[in-house]
C-alpha atoms as a PDB file:
ATOM      1  CA  MET A   1     -52.311 -17.434  12.172  1.00  0.00           C
ATOM      2  CA  LYS A   2     -49.178 -19.440  11.355  1.00  0.00           C
ATOM      3  CA  LYS A   3     -48.507 -17.209   8.339  1.00  0.00           C
ATOM      4  CA  LEU A   4     -48.914 -14.091  10.503  1.00  0.00           C
ATOM      5  CA  LEU A   5     -46.490 -15.433  13.105  1.00  0.00           C
ATOM      6  CA  LEU A   6     -43.919 -16.175  10.421  1.00  0.00           C
ATOM      7  CA  MET A   7     -44.300 -12.654   9.049  1.00  0.00           C
ATOM      8  CA  CYS A   8     -43.828 -11.163  12.531  1.00  0.00           C
ATOM      9  CA  LEU A   9     -40.746 -13.308  13.095  1.00  0.00           C
ATOM     10  CA  SER A  10     -39.310 -12.177   9.769  1.00  0.00           C
ATOM     11  CA  VAL A  11     -39.874  -8.521  10.655  1.00  0.00           C
ATOM     12  CA  MET A  12     -38.275  -8.997  14.083  1.00  0.00           C
ATOM     13  CA  MET A  13     -35.222 -10.666  12.525  1.00  0.00           C
ATOM     14  CA  THR A  14     -34.910  -7.843   9.995  1.00  0.00           C
ATOM     15  CA  LEU A  15     -35.120  -5.183  12.707  1.00  0.00           C
ATOM     16  CA  SER A  16     -32.540  -7.056  14.779  1.00  0.00           C
ATOM     17  CA  ALA A  17     -30.136  -7.162  11.840  1.00  0.00           C
ATOM     18  CA  MET A  18     -30.695  -3.455  11.162  1.00  0.00           C
ATOM     19  CA  ALA A  19     -29.865  -2.607  14.772  1.00  0.00           C
ATOM     20  CA  GLN A  20     -26.450  -4.262  14.552  1.00  0.00           C
ATOM     21  CA  SER A  21     -23.501  -1.910  14.190  1.00  0.00           C
ATOM     22  CA  LYS A  22     -20.467  -2.881  12.151  1.00  0.00           C
ATOM     23  CA  VAL A  23     -17.241  -3.378  14.077  1.00  0.00           C
ATOM     24  CA  TYR A  24     -14.125  -4.105  12.040  1.00  0.00           C
ATOM     25  CA  VAL A  25     -11.220  -6.108  13.450  1.00  0.00           C
ATOM     26  CA  THR A  26      -7.663  -7.017  12.518  1.00  0.00           C
ATOM     27  CA  ARG A  27      -5.289  -9.195  14.500  1.00  0.00           C
ATOM     28  CA  ASP A  28      -2.374  -7.140  13.190  1.00  0.00           C
ATOM     29  CA  ILE A  29      -1.123  -4.407  15.492  1.00  0.00           C
ATOM     30  CA  SER A  30       0.983  -2.184  13.281  1.00  0.00           C
ATOM     31  CA  SER A  31       1.092   1.249  11.735  1.00  0.00           C
ATOM     32  CA  ASP A  32      -0.087  -0.217   8.414  1.00  0.00           C
ATOM     33  CA  ALA A  33      -2.994  -1.992  10.115  1.00  0.00           C
ATOM     34  CA  LEU A  34      -4.192   1.253  11.695  1.00  0.00           C
ATOM     35  CA  VAL A  35      -4.414   2.905   8.295  1.00  0.00           C
ATOM     36  CA  LYS A  36      -6.073  -0.180   6.807  1.00  0.00           C
ATOM     37  CA  ILE A  37      -8.795  -0.384   9.458  1.00  0.00           C
ATOM     38  CA  TYR A  38      -9.430   3.360   9.209  1.00  0.00           C
ATOM     39  CA  LYS A  39     -10.036   2.952   5.470  1.00  0.00           C
ATOM     40  CA  ALA A  40     -12.285  -0.069   6.085  1.00  0.00           C
ATOM     41  CA  LEU A  41     -14.746   2.183   7.941  1.00  0.00           C
ATOM     42  CA  GLY A  42     -15.469   4.051   4.712  1.00  0.00           C
ATOM     43  CA  ARG A  43     -15.709   7.428   6.450  1.00  0.00           C
ATOM     44  CA  LYS A  44     -13.039   9.814   5.205  1.00  0.00           C
ATOM     45  CA  ALA A  45     -11.670  12.287   7.720  1.00  0.00           C
ATOM     46  CA  LYS A  46     -12.102  15.740   6.176  1.00  0.00           C
ATOM     47  CA  GLY A  47     -11.211  19.293   7.110  1.00  0.00           C
ATOM     48  CA  ARG A  48      -9.301  20.011  10.286  1.00  0.00           C
ATOM     49  CA  VAL A  49      -8.847  16.579  11.848  1.00  0.00           C
ATOM     50  CA  ALA A  50      -8.257  15.970  15.571  1.00  0.00           C
ATOM     51  CA  VAL A  51      -6.743  12.608  16.546  1.00  0.00           C
ATOM     52  CA  LYS A  52      -7.624  12.124  20.219  1.00  0.00           C
ATOM     53  CA  ILE A  53      -5.171   9.974  22.144  1.00  0.00           C
ATOM     54  CA  SER A  54      -3.877   9.665  25.688  1.00  0.00           C
ATOM     55  CA  THR A  55      -0.305  10.891  26.071  1.00  0.00           C
ATOM     56  CA  GLY A  56       0.194   8.571  29.073  1.00  0.00           C
ATOM     57  CA  GLU A  57       1.167   9.436  32.623  1.00  0.00           C
ATOM     58  CA  SER A  58       4.566   7.766  32.244  1.00  0.00           C
ATOM     59  CA  GLU A  59       6.632   5.621  29.906  1.00  0.00           C
ATOM     60  CA  LYS A  60       5.516   2.602  31.936  1.00  0.00           C
ATOM     61  CA  THR A  61       1.966   2.862  30.647  1.00  0.00           C
ATOM     62  CA  GLY A  62       0.465   1.366  27.492  1.00  0.00           C
ATOM     63  CA  TYR A  63      -0.277   4.644  25.709  1.00  0.00           C
ATOM     64  CA  LEU A  64      -0.185   4.376  21.908  1.00  0.00           C
ATOM     65  CA  ARG A  65       3.388   5.071  20.824  1.00  0.00           C
ATOM     66  CA  PRO A  66       4.222   7.580  18.074  1.00  0.00           C
ATOM     67  CA  ALA A  67       5.746   4.850  15.885  1.00  0.00           C
ATOM     68  CA  LEU A  68       2.396   3.026  15.891  1.00  0.00           C
ATOM     69  CA  ILE A  69       0.110   5.976  15.139  1.00  0.00           C
ATOM     70  CA  LYS A  70       2.262   8.163  12.885  1.00  0.00           C
ATOM     71  CA  ASP A  71       1.098   6.731   9.536  1.00  0.00           C
ATOM     72  CA  LEU A  72      -2.566   7.151  10.430  1.00  0.00           C
ATOM     73  CA  VAL A  73      -2.036  10.719  11.646  1.00  0.00           C
ATOM     74  CA  LYS A  74      -0.177  11.482   8.406  1.00  0.00           C
ATOM     75  CA  GLU A  75      -2.865   9.797   6.304  1.00  0.00           C
ATOM     76  CA  VAL A  76      -5.541  12.174   7.630  1.00  0.00           C
ATOM     77  CA  ASP A  77      -3.225  15.201   7.997  1.00  0.00           C
ATOM     78  CA  GLY A  78      -4.316  15.215  11.623  1.00  0.00           C
ATOM     79  CA  THR A  79      -3.397  17.058  14.781  1.00  0.00           C
ATOM     80  CA  ILE A  80      -2.834  14.978  17.908  1.00  0.00           C
ATOM     81  CA  VAL A  81      -5.070  16.362  20.654  1.00  0.00           C
ATOM     82  CA  GLU A  82      -5.261  15.892  24.406  1.00  0.00           C
ATOM     83  CA  CYS A  83      -6.484  17.708  27.520  1.00  0.00           C
ATOM     84  CA  ASN A  84      -4.869  18.285  30.901  1.00  0.00           C
ATOM     85  CA  THR A  85      -5.681  15.917  33.759  1.00  0.00           C
ATOM     86  CA  ALA A  86      -7.669  16.602  36.925  1.00  0.00           C
ATOM     87  CA  TYR A  87      -5.330  14.934  39.394  1.00  0.00           C
ATOM     88  CA  GLY A  88      -1.891  15.952  40.577  1.00  0.00           C
ATOM     89  CA  GLY A  89       0.553  14.328  38.199  1.00  0.00           C
ATOM     90  CA  ALA A  90       2.807  14.849  35.217  1.00  0.00           C
ATOM     91  CA  ARG A  91       0.073  16.307  32.999  1.00  0.00           C
ATOM     92  CA  GLN A  92      -2.206  18.515  35.101  1.00  0.00           C
ATOM     93  CA  ALA A  93      -0.269  21.739  34.520  1.00  0.00           C
ATOM     94  CA  THR A  94      -0.006  22.709  30.852  1.00  0.00           C
ATOM     95  CA  ALA A  95       3.770  23.284  30.993  1.00  0.00           C
ATOM     96  CA  ASP A  96       4.329  19.835  32.506  1.00  0.00           C
ATOM     97  CA  HIS A  97       2.024  18.260  29.953  1.00  0.00           C
ATOM     98  CA  TRP A  98       3.937  19.832  27.071  1.00  0.00           C
ATOM     99  CA  ALA A  99       7.153  18.473  28.560  1.00  0.00           C
ATOM    100  CA  ALA A 100       5.623  14.973  28.684  1.00  0.00           C
ATOM    101  CA  ILE A 101       4.371  15.252  25.100  1.00  0.00           C
ATOM    102  CA  LYS A 102       7.825  16.249  23.892  1.00  0.00           C
ATOM    103  CA  GLU A 103       9.487  13.506  25.933  1.00  0.00           C
ATOM    104  CA  ARG A 104       7.163  10.846  24.478  1.00  0.00           C
ATOM    105  CA  GLY A 105       8.072  11.900  20.923  1.00  0.00           C
ATOM    106  CA  PHE A 106       4.628  13.000  19.712  1.00  0.00           C
ATOM    107  CA  MET A 107       5.894  16.365  18.469  1.00  0.00           C
ATOM    108  CA  ASP A 108       8.297  14.521  16.167  1.00  0.00           C
ATOM    109  CA  ILE A 109       5.474  13.005  14.118  1.00  0.00           C
ATOM    110  CA  ALA A 110       2.701  15.627  13.986  1.00  0.00           C
ATOM    111  CA  LYS A 111       1.217  18.844  15.260  1.00  0.00           C
ATOM    112  CA  VAL A 112       0.020  18.517  18.861  1.00  0.00           C
ATOM    113  CA  ASP A 113      -2.655  20.523  20.679  1.00  0.00           C
ATOM    114  CA  ILE A 114      -3.559  20.589  24.372  1.00  0.00           C
ATOM    115  CA  MET A 115      -7.181  21.549  23.812  1.00  0.00           C
ATOM    116  CA  ASP A 116      -7.754  23.207  27.194  1.00  0.00           C
ATOM    117  CA  GLU A 117      -4.490  25.166  27.226  1.00  0.00           C
ATOM    118  CA  ASP A 118      -6.510  28.357  26.686  1.00  0.00           C
ATOM    119  CA  GLY A 119      -9.528  27.339  28.731  1.00  0.00           C
ATOM    120  CA  ASP A 120     -12.845  25.560  28.318  1.00  0.00           C
ATOM    121  CA  MET A 121     -15.965  25.616  26.261  1.00  0.00           C
ATOM    122  CA  ILE A 122     -19.387  24.201  27.016  1.00  0.00           C
ATOM    123  CA  ILE A 123     -21.230  21.835  24.697  1.00  0.00           C
ATOM    124  CA  PRO A 124     -24.761  20.514  25.242  1.00  0.00           C
ATOM    125  CA  VAL A 125     -25.672  17.081  26.579  1.00  0.00           C
ATOM    126  CA  ARG A 126     -28.741  15.133  25.481  1.00  0.00           C
ATOM    127  CA  ASP A 127     -28.852  13.109  28.683  1.00  0.00           C
ATOM    128  CA  THR A 128     -29.345  15.479  31.627  1.00  0.00           C
ATOM    129  CA  THR A 129     -29.742  12.786  34.283  1.00  0.00           C
ATOM    130  CA  TRP A 130     -26.593  14.046  36.025  1.00  0.00           C
ATOM    131  CA  LEU A 131     -24.896  16.653  33.854  1.00  0.00           C
ATOM    132  CA  LYS A 132     -26.269  19.992  32.704  1.00  0.00           C
ATOM    133  CA  CYS A 133     -23.569  20.303  30.033  1.00  0.00           C
ATOM    134  CA  ASP A 134     -20.189  18.932  29.006  1.00  0.00           C
ATOM    135  CA  ILE A 135     -17.056  21.004  29.570  1.00  0.00           C
ATOM    136  CA  VAL A 136     -14.378  20.346  26.962  1.00  0.00           C
ATOM    137  CA  GLY A 137     -11.147  21.968  25.854  1.00  0.00           C
ATOM    138  CA  LYS A 138     -11.752  25.306  24.129  1.00  0.00           C
ATOM    139  CA  HIS A 139      -9.667  24.291  21.117  1.00  0.00           C
ATOM    140  CA  MET A 140     -12.185  21.605  20.169  1.00  0.00           C
ATOM    141  CA  ALA A 141     -13.884  24.369  18.212  1.00  0.00           C
ATOM    142  CA  ASN A 142     -10.879  24.379  15.883  1.00  0.00           C
ATOM    143  CA  TYR A 143     -11.655  20.922  14.472  1.00  0.00           C
ATOM    144  CA  ASP A 144     -14.153  19.640  11.919  1.00  0.00           C
ATOM    145  CA  PHE A 145     -13.587  15.916  12.421  1.00  0.00           C
ATOM    146  CA  MET A 146     -12.330  13.659  15.216  1.00  0.00           C
ATOM    147  CA  ILE A 147     -10.662  10.261  15.221  1.00  0.00           C
ATOM    148  CA  ASN A 148     -11.039   8.791  18.700  1.00  0.00           C
ATOM    149  CA  LEU A 149      -7.935   6.608  18.933  1.00  0.00           C
ATOM    150  CA  ALA A 150      -7.983   4.676  22.202  1.00  0.00           C
ATOM    151  CA  HIS A 151      -5.981   2.045  24.026  1.00  0.00           C
ATOM    152  CA  PHE A 152      -8.349  -0.599  25.434  1.00  0.00           C
ATOM    153  CA  LYS A 153      -7.535  -1.566  29.041  1.00  0.00           C
ATOM    154  CA  GLY A 154      -8.929  -1.403  32.551  1.00  0.00           C
ATOM    155  CA  HIS A 155      -9.393   1.696  34.671  1.00  0.00           C
ATOM    156  CA  GLN A 156      -9.009   2.316  38.388  1.00  0.00           C
ATOM    157  CA  MET A 157     -12.272   4.247  38.737  1.00  0.00           C
ATOM    158  CA  GLY A 158     -14.301   3.491  35.617  1.00  0.00           C
ATOM    159  CA  GLY A 159     -13.392  -0.180  35.395  1.00  0.00           C
ATOM    160  CA  LEU A 160     -13.085  -0.106  31.617  1.00  0.00           C
ATOM    161  CA  GLY A 161     -11.040   2.308  29.533  1.00  0.00           C
ATOM    162  CA  GLY A 162     -12.062   2.336  25.879  1.00  0.00           C
ATOM    163  CA  VAL A 163     -13.312   4.817  23.311  1.00  0.00           C
ATOM    164  CA  LEU A 164     -16.217   5.990  25.494  1.00  0.00           C
ATOM    165  CA  LYS A 165     -13.820   6.946  28.257  1.00  0.00           C
ATOM    166  CA  ASN A 166     -11.478   8.559  25.706  1.00  0.00           C
ATOM    167  CA  ALA A 167     -14.347  10.718  24.430  1.00  0.00           C
ATOM    168  CA  SER A 168     -15.725  11.718  27.825  1.00  0.00           C
ATOM    169  CA  ILE A 169     -12.928  12.052  30.378  1.00  0.00           C
ATOM    170  CA  GLY A 170     -10.384  12.312  27.573  1.00  0.00           C
ATOM    171  CA  CYS A 171     -11.963  15.317  25.852  1.00  0.00           C
ATOM    172  CA  GLY A 172     -12.944  16.989  29.118  1.00  0.00           C
ATOM    173  CA  SER A 173     -10.844  19.918  30.264  1.00  0.00           C
ATOM    174  CA  THR A 174      -9.508  19.771  33.805  1.00  0.00           C
ATOM    175  CA  ALA A 175     -12.785  21.341  34.919  1.00  0.00           C
ATOM    176  CA  GLY A 176     -14.754  18.993  32.687  1.00  0.00           C
ATOM    177  CA  LYS A 177     -13.062  15.952  34.145  1.00  0.00           C
ATOM    178  CA  ALA A 178     -13.898  17.150  37.645  1.00  0.00           C
ATOM    179  CA  TYR A 179     -17.511  17.736  36.603  1.00  0.00           C
ATOM    180  CA  ILE A 180     -17.876  14.211  35.188  1.00  0.00           C
ATOM    181  CA  HIS A 181     -16.120  12.506  38.109  1.00  0.00           C
ATOM    182  CA  SER A 182     -18.461  14.278  40.556  1.00  0.00           C
ATOM    183  CA  HIS A 183     -21.509  13.483  38.363  1.00  0.00           C
ATOM    184  CA  GLY A 184     -22.373  17.142  37.896  1.00  0.00           C
ATOM    185  CA  ILE A 185     -21.786  18.414  41.426  1.00  0.00           C
ATOM    186  CA  THR A 186     -18.651  20.509  40.888  1.00  0.00           C
ATOM    187  CA  ALA A 187     -16.146  21.496  38.213  1.00  0.00           C
ATOM    188  CA  ASN A 188     -13.472  22.253  40.786  1.00  0.00           C
ATOM    189  CA  THR A 189     -10.437  20.168  41.711  1.00  0.00           C
ATOM    190  CA  PRO A 190      -9.591  18.762  44.180  1.00  0.00           C
ATOM    191  CA  GLU A 191     -13.132  19.248  45.538  1.00  0.00           C
ATOM    192  CA  CYS A 192     -14.571  16.824  42.969  1.00  0.00           C
ATOM    193  CA  TRP A 193     -12.892  13.816  44.581  1.00  0.00           C
ATOM    194  CA  GLN A 194     -15.293  14.117  47.547  1.00  0.00           C
ATOM    195  CA  TYR A 195     -18.221  13.284  45.262  1.00  0.00           C
ATOM    196  CA  THR A 196     -17.194  10.201  43.282  1.00  0.00           C
ATOM    197  CA  GLN A 197     -20.068   8.049  44.565  1.00  0.00           C
ATOM    198  CA  PRO A 198     -22.501   6.551  43.697  1.00  0.00           C
ATOM    199  CA  GLN A 199     -20.451   4.680  41.113  1.00  0.00           C
ATOM    200  CA  ASP A 200     -23.205   4.321  38.527  1.00  0.00           C
ATOM    201  CA  ALA A 201     -23.745   8.095  38.549  1.00  0.00           C
ATOM    202  CA  PHE A 202     -20.121   8.561  37.495  1.00  0.00           C
ATOM    203  CA  ILE A 203     -20.402   5.881  34.804  1.00  0.00           C
ATOM    204  CA  GLU A 204     -23.630   7.391  33.452  1.00  0.00           C
ATOM    205  CA  SER A 205     -22.036  10.845  33.442  1.00  0.00           C
ATOM    206  CA  MET A 206     -19.193   9.492  31.307  1.00  0.00           C
ATOM    207  CA  ALA A 207     -21.676   8.071  28.806  1.00  0.00           C
ATOM    208  CA  ALA A 208     -23.542  11.380  28.649  1.00  0.00           C
ATOM    209  CA  ALA A 209     -20.304  13.298  28.058  1.00  0.00           C
ATOM    210  CA  ALA A 210     -19.203  10.834  25.362  1.00  0.00           C
ATOM    211  CA  GLN A 211     -22.553  11.378  23.641  1.00  0.00           C
ATOM    212  CA  ALA A 212     -22.061  15.154  23.824  1.00  0.00           C
ATOM    213  CA  VAL A 213     -18.744  14.877  21.970  1.00  0.00           C
ATOM    214  CA  HIS A 214     -20.275  12.442  19.458  1.00  0.00           C
ATOM    215  CA  ASP A 215     -23.119  14.877  18.792  1.00  0.00           C
ATOM    216  CA  TYR A 216     -20.762  17.855  18.541  1.00  0.00           C
ATOM    217  CA  PHE A 217     -19.135  16.319  15.491  1.00  0.00           C
ATOM    218  CA  GLY A 218     -22.098  16.404  13.135  1.00  0.00           C
ATOM    219  CA  ASN A 219     -24.364  14.224  15.247  1.00  0.00           C
ATOM    220  CA  GLY A 220     -21.799  11.451  14.914  1.00  0.00           C
ATOM    221  CA  GLU A 221     -21.236  11.879  11.167  1.00  0.00           C
ATOM    222  CA  ARG A 222     -17.807  13.508  11.594  1.00  0.00           C
ATOM    223  CA  ILE A 223     -16.252  11.204  14.165  1.00  0.00           C
ATOM    224  CA  LEU A 224     -14.987   7.626  14.145  1.00  0.00           C
ATOM    225  CA  TYR A 225     -13.561   5.274  16.746  1.00  0.00           C
ATOM    226  CA  ILE A 226     -10.523   2.992  16.800  1.00  0.00           C
ATOM    227  CA  SER A 227      -9.436   0.828  19.738  1.00  0.00           C
ATOM    228  CA  VAL A 228      -6.064  -0.900  20.067  1.00  0.00           C
ATOM    229  CA  MET A 229      -6.273  -4.030  22.216  1.00  0.00           C
ATOM    230  CA  TYR A 230      -2.730  -4.399  23.476  1.00  0.00           C
ATOM    231  CA  LYS A 231      -0.901  -4.004  26.791  1.00  0.00           C
ATOM    232  CA  MET A 232      -4.257  -4.602  28.505  1.00  0.00           C
ATOM    233  CA  SER A 233      -3.412  -3.821  32.106  1.00  0.00           C
ATOM    234  CA  ILE A 234      -6.144  -3.551  34.703  1.00  0.00           C
ATOM    235  CA  ASP A 235      -4.976   0.063  35.119  1.00  0.00           C
ATOM    236  CA  CYS A 236      -5.444   3.051  32.845  1.00  0.00           C
ATOM    237  CA  ASP A 237      -2.661   5.005  31.131  1.00  0.00           C
ATOM    238  CA  CYS A 238      -3.395   7.775  33.634  1.00  0.00           C
ATOM    239  CA  ASN A 239      -1.750   5.545  36.265  1.00  0.00           C
ATOM    240  CA  GLY A 240       1.995   6.138  36.126  1.00  0.00           C
ATOM    241  CA  ASN A 241       2.699   2.741  37.697  1.00  0.00           C
ATOM    242  CA  PRO A 242       0.165   0.343  36.189  1.00  0.00           C
ATOM    243  CA  GLN A 243       0.096  -3.366  36.881  1.00  0.00           C
ATOM    244  CA  GLU A 244       1.700  -5.520  34.222  1.00  0.00           C
ATOM    245  CA  PRO A 245      -0.690  -6.777  31.507  1.00  0.00           C
ATOM    246  CA  LEU A 246      -1.633 -10.434  31.906  1.00  0.00           C
ATOM    247  CA  ILE A 247      -3.364 -10.798  28.535  1.00  0.00           C
ATOM    248  CA  ALA A 248      -1.641 -11.305  25.189  1.00  0.00           C
ATOM    249  CA  ASP A 249      -2.037  -8.492  22.671  1.00  0.00           C
ATOM    250  CA  TYR A 250      -5.106  -9.099  20.511  1.00  0.00           C
ATOM    251  CA  GLY A 251      -5.513  -6.616  17.644  1.00  0.00           C
ATOM    252  CA  ILE A 252      -7.258  -3.429  16.517  1.00  0.00           C
ATOM    253  CA  LEU A 253     -11.010  -2.775  16.330  1.00  0.00           C
ATOM    254  CA  ALA A 254     -12.844   0.133  14.688  1.00  0.00           C
ATOM    255  CA  SER A 255     -16.410   1.384  14.279  1.00  0.00           C
ATOM    256  CA  THR A 256     -18.527   4.479  13.821  1.00  0.00           C
ATOM    257  CA  ASP A 257     -20.506   3.284  16.881  1.00  0.00           C
ATOM    258  CA  PRO A 258     -18.580   3.760  20.155  1.00  0.00           C
ATOM    259  CA  VAL A 259     -20.958   1.637  22.230  1.00  0.00           C
ATOM    260  CA  ALA A 260     -20.653  -1.308  19.860  1.00  0.00           C
ATOM    261  CA  LEU A 261     -16.874  -0.923  19.744  1.00  0.00           C
ATOM    262  CA  ASP A 262     -16.383  -0.978  23.517  1.00  0.00           C
ATOM    263  CA  GLN A 263     -18.879  -3.846  23.800  1.00  0.00           C
ATOM    264  CA  ALA A 264     -17.066  -5.883  21.157  1.00  0.00           C
ATOM    265  CA  SER A 265     -13.691  -5.230  22.810  1.00  0.00           C
ATOM    266  CA  TYR A 266     -15.030  -6.330  26.184  1.00  0.00           C
ATOM    267  CA  ASP A 267     -16.687  -9.417  24.700  1.00  0.00           C
ATOM    268  CA  ILE A 268     -13.412 -10.450  23.084  1.00  0.00           C
ATOM    269  CA  VAL A 269     -11.688 -10.381  26.481  1.00  0.00           C
ATOM    270  CA  THR A 270     -14.437 -12.522  28.022  1.00  0.00           C
ATOM    271  CA  LYS A 271     -13.903 -15.175  25.319  1.00  0.00           C
ATOM    272  CA  ILE A 272     -10.113 -15.407  25.578  1.00  0.00           C
ATOM    273  CA  HIS A 273      -9.042 -18.841  26.778  1.00  0.00           C
ATOM    274  CA  ASN A 274      -6.931 -18.603  29.913  1.00  0.00           C
ATOM    275  CA  ASP A 275      -3.590 -20.371  29.569  1.00  0.00           C
ATOM    276  CA  GLU A 276       0.094 -19.680  30.167  1.00  0.00           C
ATOM    277  CA  HIS A 277      -0.204 -16.555  27.965  1.00  0.00           C
ATOM    278  CA  ASN A 278      -3.499 -15.187  29.244  1.00  0.00           C
ATOM    279  CA  ASN A 279      -5.100 -14.477  32.586  1.00  0.00           C
ATOM    280  CA  THR A 280      -8.229 -12.425  31.985  1.00  0.00           C
ATOM    281  CA  LYS A 281      -9.594 -12.717  35.528  1.00  0.00           C
ATOM    282  CA  PRO A 282      -7.924  -9.620  37.068  1.00  0.00           C
ATOM    283  CA  LEU A 283      -9.144  -7.349  34.247  1.00  0.00           C
ATOM    284  CA  LEU A 284     -12.651  -8.808  34.218  1.00  0.00           C
ATOM    285  CA  ASP A 285     -12.810  -8.583  38.013  1.00  0.00           C
ATOM    286  CA  ARG A 286     -11.768  -4.916  37.860  1.00  0.00           C
ATOM    287  CA  ILE A 287     -14.412  -4.162  35.244  1.00  0.00           C
ATOM    288  CA  GLU A 288     -17.102  -5.956  37.259  1.00  0.00           C
ATOM    289  CA  LYS A 289     -16.123  -4.315  40.557  1.00  0.00           C
ATOM    290  CA  GLN A 290     -16.346  -0.821  39.042  1.00  0.00           C
ATOM    291  CA  HIS A 291     -19.492  -1.558  36.994  1.00  0.00           C
ATOM    292  CA  GLY A 292     -17.446  -0.876  33.857  1.00  0.00           C
ATOM    293  CA  THR A 293     -19.912  -2.453  31.419  1.00  0.00           C
ATOM    294  CA  HIS A 294     -22.636  -0.083  32.615  1.00  0.00           C
ATOM    295  CA  ILE A 295     -21.199   2.608  30.345  1.00  0.00           C
ATOM    296  CA  MET A 296     -22.257   0.531  27.327  1.00  0.00           C
ATOM    297  CA  GLU A 297     -25.648  -0.236  28.870  1.00  0.00           C
ATOM    298  CA  TRP A 298     -26.301   3.438  29.603  1.00  0.00           C
ATOM    299  CA  GLY A 299     -24.850   4.551  26.270  1.00  0.00           C
ATOM    300  CA  GLU A 300     -27.327   2.309  24.488  1.00  0.00           C
ATOM    301  CA  LYS A 301     -30.197   3.512  26.690  1.00  0.00           C
ATOM    302  CA  ILE A 302     -29.578   7.179  25.878  1.00  0.00           C
ATOM    303  CA  GLY A 303     -29.248   6.523  22.147  1.00  0.00           C
ATOM    304  CA  LEU A 304     -25.494   6.861  21.711  1.00  0.00           C
ATOM    305  CA  GLY A 305     -25.132   3.482  20.032  1.00  0.00           C
ATOM    306  CA  SER A 306     -26.021  -0.188  20.030  1.00  0.00           C
ATOM    307  CA  ARG A 307     -24.601  -3.092  22.009  1.00  0.00           C
ATOM    308  CA  GLN A 308     -25.573  -5.353  19.125  1.00  0.00           C
ATOM    309  CA  TYR A 309     -22.845  -5.605  16.510  1.00  0.00           C
ATOM    310  CA  GLU A 310     -21.465  -7.554  13.591  1.00  0.00           C
ATOM    311  CA  LEU A 311     -17.747  -8.282  13.892  1.00  0.00           C
ATOM    312  CA  ILE A 312     -16.062  -8.085  10.491  1.00  0.00           C
ATOM    313  CA  SER A 313     -12.481  -9.227   9.980  1.00  0.00           C
ATOM    314  CA  ILE A 314     -10.382  -7.280   7.488  1.00  0.00           C
ATOM    315  CA  ASP A 315      -7.620  -9.903   7.543  1.00  0.00           C
ATOM    316  CA  LYS A 316      -7.246 -12.114   4.502  1.00  0.00           C
END
């Protein structure tokens, strides 16, 4: 009996280790570090490469600056991609969005594509709890590979803005964003804002949409995820007047598993010691209030990824 129990324990430990996803981390936030952590993943971006970022609602936000991302975009011969927003602002109309992109300097470093400039396309969802499909920018069909390059921070509605949010809301067209925010009720704006509750339905819809994008790129074989943990305001880059970050810049994380990556980023924030340089409470309170961690819980439940991970430093 004792031998059998030991064998069972050994099998359980092996399965647990197998379920862990690899998340790479560097404390260096630089253009060189972005290229280094991309290479550490061991998954080469091939073909027509989309680099999905947020162009930021204003210069006040923590969007990833061209100077930081340019070497990575060049390394993969990528096209910077975005979609229009679903709220009235500087990037809802395509012409205004192009003006913002030019003003931010993105066109100086690479080709740029607003994926829903010419409309939408529908891709399937595995999880149909709330959504019948995912509605993304039509130009997504022009790409063979995607690098999901996100800025980790809070979010006014979702609580947590990481790679899962960047894949779901970020890749959604204006109609797609409305559809996710209203958990499948409508693809129309501003009608969608009447249907933002219950909160968990919205969070679960984001996870389902993120999975749809993941699956679209070769069932996850032609996509990878990078998260920059700096300027961690409680507000998203879609807020033109975000609150000032109260947490010191941390580093860059990367993985082929988006659930593990967002989980690791969140866990790092929870372990930061509060002192004169760090006050994590406002961000953690925002995430808790909006059920932000539920996106990782639901993402794991529907098979998008694992919340169990191994954190691997690439720093010498």
